[in-house]
């Protein structure tokens, strides 16, 4: 069965806005950004880390990532969702009230 070429390739919602705010916001100390980068580097699986890096840092969309990794867009979406859950579970212990 051929892969679907159209896919909602943008994440919206609270989780995505929080991650983008931390990465691209103008926080003076940058401590949240450092914490987020450490969580991504040390706590995610290799596949999750790669997908997150491509999406947020290389600004690739889900369809592009799927083609690059030779997996379906749905698989990319699922990997990103699991990575976000893991990121927020870990970060909530370090940051209270901001996420």
PDB file of N, CA and C in Angstrom:
ATOM      1  N   UNK A   1       0.833  -1.173   0.000  1.00  0.00           N
ATOM      2  CA  UNK A   1       0.000   0.000   0.000  1.00  0.00           C
ATOM      3  C   UNK A   1       0.885   1.247   0.000  1.00  0.00           C
ATOM      4  N   UNK A   2       0.630   2.193  -0.896  1.00  0.00           N
ATOM      5  CA  UNK A   2       1.466   3.390  -0.948  1.00  0.00           C
ATOM      6  C   UNK A   2       1.255   4.269   0.290  1.00  0.00           C
ATOM      7  N   UNK A   3       2.302   4.967   0.633  1.00  0.00           N
ATOM      8  CA  UNK A   3       2.218   5.865   1.783  1.00  0.00           C
ATOM      9  C   UNK A   3       1.399   7.091   1.442  1.00  0.00           C
ATOM     10  N   UNK A   4       0.715   7.575   2.432  1.00  0.00           N
ATOM     11  CA  UNK A   4      -0.085   8.774   2.277  1.00  0.00           C
ATOM     12  C   UNK A   4       0.846   9.982   2.257  1.00  0.00           C
ATOM     13  N   UNK A   5       0.735  10.792   1.224  1.00  0.00           N
ATOM     14  CA  UNK A   5       1.624  11.938   1.077  1.00  0.00           C
ATOM     15  C   UNK A   5       1.109  13.166   1.817  1.00  0.00           C
ATOM     16  N   UNK A   6      -0.172  13.199   2.104  1.00  0.00           N
ATOM     17  CA  UNK A   6      -0.700  14.336   2.845  1.00  0.00           C
ATOM     18  C   UNK A   6      -0.873  13.924   4.290  1.00  0.00           C
ATOM     19  N   UNK A   7      -0.458  14.790   5.161  1.00  0.00           N
ATOM     20  CA  UNK A   7      -0.543  14.501   6.583  1.00  0.00           C
ATOM     21  C   UNK A   7      -0.444  15.818   7.324  1.00  0.00           C
ATOM     22  N   UNK A   8      -1.190  15.931   8.377  1.00  0.00           N
ATOM     23  CA  UNK A   8      -1.103  17.143   9.186  1.00  0.00           C
ATOM     24  C   UNK A   8       0.271  17.156   9.832  1.00  0.00           C
ATOM     25  N   UNK A   9       1.156  17.957   9.281  1.00  0.00           N
ATOM     26  CA  UNK A   9       2.539  17.887   9.705  1.00  0.00           C
ATOM     27  C   UNK A   9       2.934  18.973  10.692  1.00  0.00           C
ATOM     28  N   UNK A  10       1.983  19.556  11.314  1.00  0.00           N
ATOM     29  CA  UNK A  10       2.310  20.522  12.355  1.00  0.00           C
ATOM     30  C   UNK A  10       1.629  20.096  13.636  1.00  0.00           C
ATOM     31  N   UNK A  11       2.373  20.153  14.705  1.00  0.00           N
ATOM     32  CA  UNK A  11       1.802  19.856  15.999  1.00  0.00           C
ATOM     33  C   UNK A  11       1.286  21.152  16.575  1.00  0.00           C
ATOM     34  N   UNK A  12       0.148  21.065  17.164  1.00  0.00           N
ATOM     35  CA  UNK A  12      -0.400  22.231  17.835  1.00  0.00           C
ATOM     36  C   UNK A  12      -0.767  21.801  19.229  1.00  0.00           C
ATOM     37  N   UNK A  13      -1.123  22.738  20.011  1.00  0.00           N
ATOM     38  CA  UNK A  13      -1.549  22.399  21.349  1.00  0.00           C
ATOM     39  C   UNK A  13      -0.553  22.848  22.392  1.00  0.00           C
ATOM     40  N   UNK A  14      -0.901  22.547  23.610  1.00  0.00           N
ATOM     41  CA  UNK A  14      -0.145  23.030  24.752  1.00  0.00           C
ATOM     42  C   UNK A  14       1.277  22.483  24.813  1.00  0.00           C
ATOM     43  N   UNK A  15       1.446  21.187  24.574  1.00  0.00           N
ATOM     44  CA  UNK A  15       2.787  20.590  24.671  1.00  0.00           C
ATOM     45  C   UNK A  15       3.743  21.216  23.666  1.00  0.00           C
ATOM     46  N   UNK A  16       3.292  21.352  22.424  1.00  0.00           N
ATOM     47  CA  UNK A  16       4.159  21.926  21.399  1.00  0.00           C
ATOM     48  C   UNK A  16       4.470  23.382  21.693  1.00  0.00           C
ATOM     49  N   UNK A  17       3.489  24.137  22.136  1.00  0.00           N
ATOM     50  CA  UNK A  17       3.740  25.550  22.419  1.00  0.00           C
ATOM     51  C   UNK A  17       4.710  25.715  23.583  1.00  0.00           C
ATOM     52  N   UNK A  18       4.640  24.831  24.579  1.00  0.00           N
ATOM     53  CA  UNK A  18       5.578  24.903  25.703  1.00  0.00           C
ATOM     54  C   UNK A  18       7.009  24.606  25.250  1.00  0.00           C
ATOM     55  N   UNK A  19       7.176  23.585  24.435  1.00  0.00           N
ATOM     56  CA  UNK A  19       8.513  23.237  23.965  1.00  0.00           C
ATOM     57  C   UNK A  19       9.086  24.371  23.113  1.00  0.00           C
ATOM     58  N   UNK A  20       8.272  24.898  22.207  1.00  0.00           N
ATOM     59  CA  UNK A  20       8.735  26.001  21.360  1.00  0.00           C
ATOM     60  C   UNK A  20       9.045  27.244  22.193  1.00  0.00           C
ATOM     61  N   UNK A  21       8.239  27.511  23.194  1.00  0.00           N
ATOM     62  CA  UNK A  21       8.483  28.670  24.064  1.00  0.00           C
ATOM     63  C   UNK A  21       9.811  28.530  24.806  1.00  0.00           C
ATOM     64  N   UNK A  22      10.089  27.327  25.284  1.00  0.00           N
ATOM     65  CA  UNK A  22      11.346  27.091  25.997  1.00  0.00           C
ATOM     66  C   UNK A  22      12.533  27.232  25.043  1.00  0.00           C
ATOM     67  N   UNK A  23      12.407  26.650  23.852  1.00  0.00           N
ATOM     68  CA  UNK A  23      13.527  26.675  22.908  1.00  0.00           C
ATOM     69  C   UNK A  23      13.766  28.052  22.303  1.00  0.00           C
ATOM     70  N   UNK A  24      12.687  28.760  21.963  1.00  0.00           N
ATOM     71  CA  UNK A  24      12.839  29.998  21.209  1.00  0.00           C
ATOM     72  C   UNK A  24      12.444  31.240  21.997  1.00  0.00           C
ATOM     73  N   UNK A  25      12.006  31.054  23.240  1.00  0.00           N
ATOM     74  CA  UNK A  25      11.613  32.191  24.062  1.00  0.00           C
ATOM     75  C   UNK A  25      12.809  32.994  24.517  1.00  0.00           C
ATOM     76  N   UNK A  26      12.536  34.056  25.222  1.00  0.00           N
ATOM     77  CA  UNK A  26      13.605  34.954  25.654  1.00  0.00           C
ATOM     78  C   UNK A  26      13.792  34.877  27.160  1.00  0.00           C
ATOM     79  N   UNK A  27      13.906  33.678  27.655  1.00  0.00           N
ATOM     80  CA  UNK A  27      14.156  33.522  29.084  1.00  0.00           C
ATOM     81  C   UNK A  27      15.566  33.999  29.388  1.00  0.00           C
ATOM     82  N   UNK A  28      15.690  34.822  30.422  1.00  0.00           N
ATOM     83  CA  UNK A  28      16.979  35.450  30.726  1.00  0.00           C
ATOM     84  C   UNK A  28      18.053  34.434  31.087  1.00  0.00           C
ATOM     85  N   UNK A  29      17.750  33.520  31.966  1.00  0.00           N
ATOM     86  CA  UNK A  29      18.767  32.586  32.436  1.00  0.00           C
ATOM     87  C   UNK A  29      19.050  31.469  31.445  1.00  0.00           C
ATOM     88  N   UNK A  30      18.037  31.036  30.745  1.00  0.00           N
ATOM     89  CA  UNK A  30      18.212  29.922  29.840  1.00  0.00           C
ATOM     90  C   UNK A  30      18.245  28.575  30.550  1.00  0.00           C
ATOM     91  N   UNK A  31      17.904  28.559  31.835  1.00  0.00           N
ATOM     92  CA  UNK A  31      17.975  27.309  32.593  1.00  0.00           C
ATOM     93  C   UNK A  31      16.963  26.283  32.096  1.00  0.00           C
ATOM     94  N   UNK A  32      15.775  26.743  31.721  1.00  0.00           N
ATOM     95  CA  UNK A  32      14.787  25.808  31.177  1.00  0.00           C
ATOM     96  C   UNK A  32      15.262  25.209  29.862  1.00  0.00           C
ATOM     97  N   UNK A  33      15.874  26.038  29.038  1.00  0.00           N
ATOM     98  CA  UNK A  33      16.382  25.541  27.752  1.00  0.00           C
ATOM     99  C   UNK A  33      17.471  24.510  27.983  1.00  0.00           C
ATOM    100  N   UNK A  34      18.387  24.785  28.909  1.00  0.00           N
ATOM    101  CA  UNK A  34      19.451  23.822  29.212  1.00  0.00           C
ATOM    102  C   UNK A  34      18.859  22.521  29.745  1.00  0.00           C
ATOM    103  N   UNK A  35      17.852  22.641  30.619  1.00  0.00           N
ATOM    104  CA  UNK A  35      17.211  21.455  31.167  1.00  0.00           C
ATOM    105  C   UNK A  35      16.547  20.650  30.058  1.00  0.00           C
ATOM    106  N   UNK A  36      15.819  21.324  29.172  1.00  0.00           N
ATOM    107  CA  UNK A  36      15.159  20.645  28.060  1.00  0.00           C
ATOM    108  C   UNK A  36      16.186  19.943  27.174  1.00  0.00           C
ATOM    109  N   UNK A  37      17.264  20.620  26.843  1.00  0.00           N
ATOM    110  CA  UNK A  37      18.296  20.009  25.996  1.00  0.00           C
ATOM    111  C   UNK A  37      18.943  18.810  26.681  1.00  0.00           C
ATOM    112  N   UNK A  38      19.160  18.891  27.992  1.00  0.00           N
ATOM    113  CA  UNK A  38      19.709  17.753  28.734  1.00  0.00           C
ATOM    114  C   UNK A  38      18.751  16.575  28.743  1.00  0.00           C
ATOM    115  N   UNK A  39      17.471  16.855  28.907  1.00  0.00           N
ATOM    116  CA  UNK A  39      16.476  15.776  28.883  1.00  0.00           C
ATOM    117  C   UNK A  39      16.455  15.117  27.508  1.00  0.00           C
ATOM    118  N   UNK A  40      16.461  15.924  26.468  1.00  0.00           N
ATOM    119  CA  UNK A  40      16.468  15.374  25.104  1.00  0.00           C
ATOM    120  C   UNK A  40      17.713  14.526  24.892  1.00  0.00           C
ATOM    121  N   UNK A  41      18.855  15.034  25.304  1.00  0.00           N
ATOM    122  CA  UNK A  41      20.123  14.340  25.072  1.00  0.00           C
ATOM    123  C   UNK A  41      20.247  13.048  25.871  1.00  0.00           C
ATOM    124  N   UNK A  42      19.821  13.069  27.125  1.00  0.00           N
ATOM    125  CA  UNK A  42      20.108  11.950  28.021  1.00  0.00           C
ATOM    126  C   UNK A  42      18.955  11.002  28.311  1.00  0.00           C
ATOM    127  N   UNK A  43      17.742  11.425  28.082  1.00  0.00           N
ATOM    128  CA  UNK A  43      16.611  10.611  28.536  1.00  0.00           C
ATOM    129  C   UNK A  43      15.761   9.999  27.424  1.00  0.00           C
ATOM    130  N   UNK A  44      15.913  10.454  26.202  1.00  0.00           N
ATOM    131  CA  UNK A  44      15.107   9.917  25.106  1.00  0.00           C
ATOM    132  C   UNK A  44      15.840   8.772  24.419  1.00  0.00           C
ATOM    133  N   UNK A  45      15.068   7.912  23.771  1.00  0.00           N
ATOM    134  CA  UNK A  45      15.690   6.867  22.965  1.00  0.00           C
ATOM    135  C   UNK A  45      16.358   7.521  21.761  1.00  0.00           C
ATOM    136  N   UNK A  46      17.198   6.788  21.087  1.00  0.00           N
ATOM    137  CA  UNK A  46      17.915   7.332  19.927  1.00  0.00           C
ATOM    138  C   UNK A  46      16.944   7.792  18.844  1.00  0.00           C
ATOM    139  N   UNK A  47      15.909   7.011  18.590  1.00  0.00           N
ATOM    140  CA  UNK A  47      14.933   7.389  17.553  1.00  0.00           C
ATOM    141  C   UNK A  47      14.144   8.619  17.965  1.00  0.00           C
ATOM    142  N   UNK A  48      13.709   8.669  19.224  1.00  0.00           N
ATOM    143  CA  UNK A  48      12.965   9.829  19.707  1.00  0.00           C
ATOM    144  C   UNK A  48      13.818  11.085  19.621  1.00  0.00           C
ATOM    145  N   UNK A  49      15.065  10.965  20.046  1.00  0.00           N
ATOM    146  CA  UNK A  49      15.989  12.099  20.022  1.00  0.00           C
ATOM    147  C   UNK A  49      16.159  12.616  18.590  1.00  0.00           C
ATOM    148  N   UNK A  50      16.357  11.706  17.668  1.00  0.00           N
ATOM    149  CA  UNK A  50      16.570  12.103  16.281  1.00  0.00           C
ATOM    150  C   UNK A  50      15.337  12.794  15.702  1.00  0.00           C
ATOM    151  N   UNK A  51      14.158  12.248  15.968  1.00  0.00           N
ATOM    152  CA  UNK A  51      12.915  12.840  15.463  1.00  0.00           C
ATOM    153  C   UNK A  51      12.713  14.239  16.054  1.00  0.00           C
ATOM    154  N   UNK A  52      12.913  14.372  17.362  1.00  0.00           N
ATOM    155  CA  UNK A  52      12.747  15.670  18.026  1.00  0.00           C
ATOM    156  C   UNK A  52      13.746  16.685  17.470  1.00  0.00           C
ATOM    157  N   UNK A  53      14.984  16.281  17.284  1.00  0.00           N
ATOM    158  CA  UNK A  53      16.005  17.185  16.759  1.00  0.00           C
ATOM    159  C   UNK A  53      15.658  17.639  15.332  1.00  0.00           C
ATOM    160  N   UNK A  54      15.216  16.707  14.506  1.00  0.00           N
ATOM    161  CA  UNK A  54      14.850  17.075  13.142  1.00  0.00           C
ATOM    162  C   UNK A  54      13.654  18.021  13.118  1.00  0.00           C
ATOM    163  N   UNK A  55      12.667  17.772  13.969  1.00  0.00           N
ATOM    164  CA  UNK A  55      11.458  18.580  13.962  1.00  0.00           C
ATOM    165  C   UNK A  55      11.699  19.977  14.542  1.00  0.00           C
ATOM    166  N   UNK A  56      12.294  20.054  15.701  1.00  0.00           N
ATOM    167  CA  UNK A  56      12.426  21.347  16.370  1.00  0.00           C
ATOM    168  C   UNK A  56      13.679  22.129  15.973  1.00  0.00           C
ATOM    169  N   UNK A  57      14.774  21.461  15.680  1.00  0.00           N
ATOM    170  CA  UNK A  57      16.013  22.174  15.414  1.00  0.00           C
ATOM    171  C   UNK A  57      16.319  22.310  13.930  1.00  0.00           C
ATOM    172  N   UNK A  58      15.973  21.307  13.142  1.00  0.00           N
ATOM    173  CA  UNK A  58      16.190  21.379  11.694  1.00  0.00           C
ATOM    174  C   UNK A  58      14.938  21.876  10.968  1.00  0.00           C
ATOM    175  N   UNK A  59      13.851  22.068  11.737  1.00  0.00           N
ATOM    176  CA  UNK A  59      12.579  22.583  11.241  1.00  0.00           C
ATOM    177  C   UNK A  59      12.020  21.792  10.056  1.00  0.00           C
ATOM    178  N   UNK A  60      12.183  20.490  10.118  1.00  0.00           N
ATOM    179  CA  UNK A  60      11.588  19.616   9.114  1.00  0.00           C
ATOM    180  C   UNK A  60      10.166  19.282   9.565  1.00  0.00           C
ATOM    181  N   UNK A  61       9.279  19.026   8.597  1.00  0.00           N
ATOM    182  CA  UNK A  61       7.932  18.630   8.985  1.00  0.00           C
ATOM    183  C   UNK A  61       7.844  17.103   9.046  1.00  0.00           C
ATOM    184  N   UNK A  62       6.718  16.622   9.471  1.00  0.00           N
ATOM    185  CA  UNK A  62       6.546  15.185   9.708  1.00  0.00           C
ATOM    186  C   UNK A  62       6.717  14.376   8.428  1.00  0.00           C
ATOM    187  N   UNK A  63       6.172  14.868   7.341  1.00  0.00           N
ATOM    188  CA  UNK A  63       6.276  14.144   6.073  1.00  0.00           C
ATOM    189  C   UNK A  63       7.738  14.056   5.626  1.00  0.00           C
ATOM    190  N   UNK A  64       8.478  15.133   5.765  1.00  0.00           N
ATOM    191  CA  UNK A  64       9.902  15.124   5.395  1.00  0.00           C
ATOM    192  C   UNK A  64      10.702  14.157   6.270  1.00  0.00           C
ATOM    193  N   UNK A  65      10.407  14.167   7.558  1.00  0.00           N
ATOM    194  CA  UNK A  65      11.096  13.249   8.467  1.00  0.00           C
ATOM    195  C   UNK A  65      10.759  11.808   8.112  1.00  0.00           C
ATOM    196  N   UNK A  66       9.496  11.555   7.817  1.00  0.00           N
ATOM    197  CA  UNK A  66       9.064  10.203   7.460  1.00  0.00           C
ATOM    198  C   UNK A  66       9.796   9.707   6.218  1.00  0.00           C
ATOM    199  N   UNK A  67       9.922  10.569   5.220  1.00  0.00           N
ATOM    200  CA  UNK A  67      10.640  10.178   4.003  1.00  0.00           C
ATOM    201  C   UNK A  67      12.126   9.934   4.292  1.00  0.00           C
ATOM    202  N   UNK A  68      12.718  10.805   5.093  1.00  0.00           N
ATOM    203  CA  UNK A  68      14.135  10.662   5.431  1.00  0.00           C
ATOM    204  C   UNK A  68      14.410   9.364   6.192  1.00  0.00           C
ATOM    205  N   UNK A  69      13.549   9.029   7.138  1.00  0.00           N
ATOM    206  CA  UNK A  69      13.733   7.849   7.980  1.00  0.00           C
ATOM    207  C   UNK A  69      13.095   6.594   7.376  1.00  0.00           C
ATOM    208  N   UNK A  70      12.387   6.754   6.272  1.00  0.00           N
ATOM    209  CA  UNK A  70      11.716   5.647   5.591  1.00  0.00           C
ATOM    210  C   UNK A  70      10.703   4.945   6.507  1.00  0.00           C
ATOM    211  N   UNK A  71       9.917   5.764   7.204  1.00  0.00           N
ATOM    212  CA  UNK A  71       8.820   5.266   8.032  1.00  0.00           C
ATOM    213  C   UNK A  71       7.584   6.095   7.701  1.00  0.00           C
ATOM    214  N   UNK A  72       6.444   5.694   8.190  1.00  0.00           N
ATOM    215  CA  UNK A  72       5.213   6.412   7.892  1.00  0.00           C
ATOM    216  C   UNK A  72       5.123   7.693   8.723  1.00  0.00           C
ATOM    217  N   UNK A  73       4.380   8.682   8.225  1.00  0.00           N
ATOM    218  CA  UNK A  73       4.167   9.902   9.009  1.00  0.00           C
ATOM    219  C   UNK A  73       3.493   9.613  10.358  1.00  0.00           C
ATOM    220  N   UNK A  74       2.634   8.602  10.378  1.00  0.00           N
ATOM    221  CA  UNK A  74       1.973   8.229  11.629  1.00  0.00           C
ATOM    222  C   UNK A  74       2.987   7.725  12.650  1.00  0.00           C
ATOM    223  N   UNK A  75       3.997   6.998  12.195  1.00  0.00           N
ATOM    224  CA  UNK A  75       5.039   6.508  13.100  1.00  0.00           C
ATOM    225  C   UNK A  75       5.854   7.668  13.655  1.00  0.00           C
ATOM    226  N   UNK A  76       6.146   8.654  12.809  1.00  0.00           N
ATOM    227  CA  UNK A  76       6.863   9.846  13.267  1.00  0.00           C
ATOM    228  C   UNK A  76       6.031  10.567  14.321  1.00  0.00           C
ATOM    229  N   UNK A  77       4.759  10.728  14.045  1.00  0.00           N
ATOM    230  CA  UNK A  77       3.864  11.404  14.983  1.00  0.00           C
ATOM    231  C   UNK A  77       3.812  10.671  16.322  1.00  0.00           C
ATOM    232  N   UNK A  78       3.727   9.361  16.275  1.00  0.00           N
ATOM    233  CA  UNK A  78       3.674   8.560  17.508  1.00  0.00           C
ATOM    234  C   UNK A  78       4.982   8.676  18.295  1.00  0.00           C
ATOM    235  N   UNK A  79       6.117   8.638  17.604  1.00  0.00           N
ATOM    236  CA  UNK A  79       7.413   8.797  18.268  1.00  0.00           C
ATOM    237  C   UNK A  79       7.518  10.160  18.936  1.00  0.00           C
ATOM    238  N   UNK A  80       7.048  11.196  18.252  1.00  0.00           N
ATOM    239  CA  UNK A  80       7.104  12.539  18.831  1.00  0.00           C
ATOM    240  C   UNK A  80       6.186  12.651  20.043  1.00  0.00           C
ATOM    241  N   UNK A  81       5.019  12.054  19.952  1.00  0.00           N
ATOM    242  CA  UNK A  81       4.087  12.115  21.089  1.00  0.00           C
ATOM    243  C   UNK A  81       4.673  11.411  22.314  1.00  0.00           C
ATOM    244  N   UNK A  82       5.267  10.242  22.112  1.00  0.00           N
ATOM    245  CA  UNK A  82       5.881   9.534  23.236  1.00  0.00           C
ATOM    246  C   UNK A  82       7.077  10.305  23.790  1.00  0.00           C
ATOM    247  N   UNK A  83       7.839  10.932  22.915  1.00  0.00           N
ATOM    248  CA  UNK A  83       8.989  11.721  23.369  1.00  0.00           C
ATOM    249  C   UNK A  83       8.530  12.913  24.198  1.00  0.00           C
ATOM    250  N   UNK A  84       7.480  13.586  23.745  1.00  0.00           N
ATOM    251  CA  UNK A  84       6.961  14.727  24.503  1.00  0.00           C
ATOM    252  C   UNK A  84       6.484  14.321  25.884  1.00  0.00           C
ATOM    253  N   UNK A  85       5.774  13.211  25.954  1.00  0.00           N
ATOM    254  CA  UNK A  85       5.296  12.726  27.256  1.00  0.00           C
ATOM    255  C   UNK A  85       6.483  12.469  28.173  1.00  0.00           C
ATOM    256  N   UNK A  86       7.495  11.841  27.655  1.00  0.00           N
ATOM    257  CA  UNK A  86       8.685  11.545  28.457  1.00  0.00           C
ATOM    258  C   UNK A  86       9.391  12.828  28.899  1.00  0.00           C
ATOM    259  N   UNK A  87       9.516  13.781  27.990  1.00  0.00           N
ATOM    260  CA  UNK A  87      10.147  15.052  28.313  1.00  0.00           C
ATOM    261  C   UNK A  87       9.413  15.741  29.456  1.00  0.00           C
ATOM    262  N   UNK A  88       8.096  15.822  29.350  1.00  0.00           N
ATOM    263  CA  UNK A  88       7.328  16.533  30.360  1.00  0.00           C
ATOM    264  C   UNK A  88       7.273  15.783  31.687  1.00  0.00           C
ATOM    265  N   UNK A  89       7.277  14.480  31.653  1.00  0.00           N
ATOM    266  CA  UNK A  89       7.316  13.718  32.914  1.00  0.00           C
ATOM    267  C   UNK A  89       8.606  13.983  33.674  1.00  0.00           C
ATOM    268  N   UNK A  90       9.698  14.086  32.963  1.00  0.00           N
ATOM    269  CA  UNK A  90      10.981  14.332  33.609  1.00  0.00           C
ATOM    270  C   UNK A  90      11.100  15.789  34.048  1.00  0.00           C
ATOM    271  N   UNK A  91      10.699  16.705  33.182  1.00  0.00           N
ATOM    272  CA  UNK A  91      10.850  18.124  33.492  1.00  0.00           C
ATOM    273  C   UNK A  91       9.956  18.580  34.635  1.00  0.00           C
ATOM    274  N   UNK A  92       8.808  17.935  34.813  1.00  0.00           N
ATOM    275  CA  UNK A  92       7.891  18.399  35.858  1.00  0.00           C
ATOM    276  C   UNK A  92       8.506  18.280  37.250  1.00  0.00           C
ATOM    277  N   UNK A  93       9.481  17.413  37.426  1.00  0.00           N
ATOM    278  CA  UNK A  93      10.139  17.283  38.722  1.00  0.00           C
ATOM    279  C   UNK A  93      11.125  18.419  38.976  1.00  0.00           C
ATOM    280  N   UNK A  94      11.585  19.061  37.923  1.00  0.00           N
ATOM    281  CA  UNK A  94      12.558  20.132  38.056  1.00  0.00           C
ATOM    282  C   UNK A  94      11.906  21.522  38.035  1.00  0.00           C
ATOM    283  N   UNK A  95      10.809  21.625  37.326  1.00  0.00           N
ATOM    284  CA  UNK A  95      10.164  22.913  37.170  1.00  0.00           C
ATOM    285  C   UNK A  95       8.723  22.795  37.656  1.00  0.00           C
ATOM    286  N   UNK A  96       8.400  23.554  38.631  1.00  0.00           N
ATOM    287  CA  UNK A  96       7.035  23.512  39.160  1.00  0.00           C
ATOM    288  C   UNK A  96       6.284  24.765  38.716  1.00  0.00           C
ATOM    289  N   UNK A  97       5.110  24.539  38.111  1.00  0.00           N
ATOM    290  CA  UNK A  97       4.238  25.658  37.766  1.00  0.00           C
ATOM    291  C   UNK A  97       4.465  26.305  36.413  1.00  0.00           C
ATOM    292  N   UNK A  98       5.562  26.012  35.737  1.00  0.00           N
ATOM    293  CA  UNK A  98       5.805  26.624  34.432  1.00  0.00           C
ATOM    294  C   UNK A  98       5.321  25.758  33.285  1.00  0.00           C
ATOM    295  N   UNK A  99       5.235  24.458  33.516  1.00  0.00           N
ATOM    296  CA  UNK A  99       4.822  23.553  32.439  1.00  0.00           C
ATOM    297  C   UNK A  99       3.503  22.930  32.826  1.00  0.00           C
TER     298      UNK A  99
END
